[in-house]
């Protein structure tokens, strides 16, 4: 059973990885020139040019430059943002999807992360079955 669960978890992780890579790499390839030349941490600026036309006078142009409203996180995860960061997020999602699938298929939900430990649920279910038999 463990071999089958490992295989299916690996298959799910690989599927998430492939779909995620397509979602991440495709926009980066479409915006190739921005990928190498753009700095997502540089404050984005927006320029607005206003032309004032009055009959009999030359056209007055006023150019205003101000910071754009998009935060750096949005620019970093945008079309041509930090490709390595986005690929890392996809790899993490694939790993977590495979881990969850494996836990569900095996029915083993024990977890230990540093000092925090969640014991296996089999002992609790055994106690529940024993109490049902005694009724």
Foldseek 3Di string as FASTA:
>chain_A
DLVVLLVVLLVQLVVLLVVLCCVLVVLQVVPVVCQVVPDLQPFAKDKDWDWDDDPPDDIDIDIDIDTDDDDSVCSQSDSNHVSVVSSVVSNVVSNVSSVVSSCVVVVFDWDDDPPDTDHTCPVVVVVVVVVVVVD
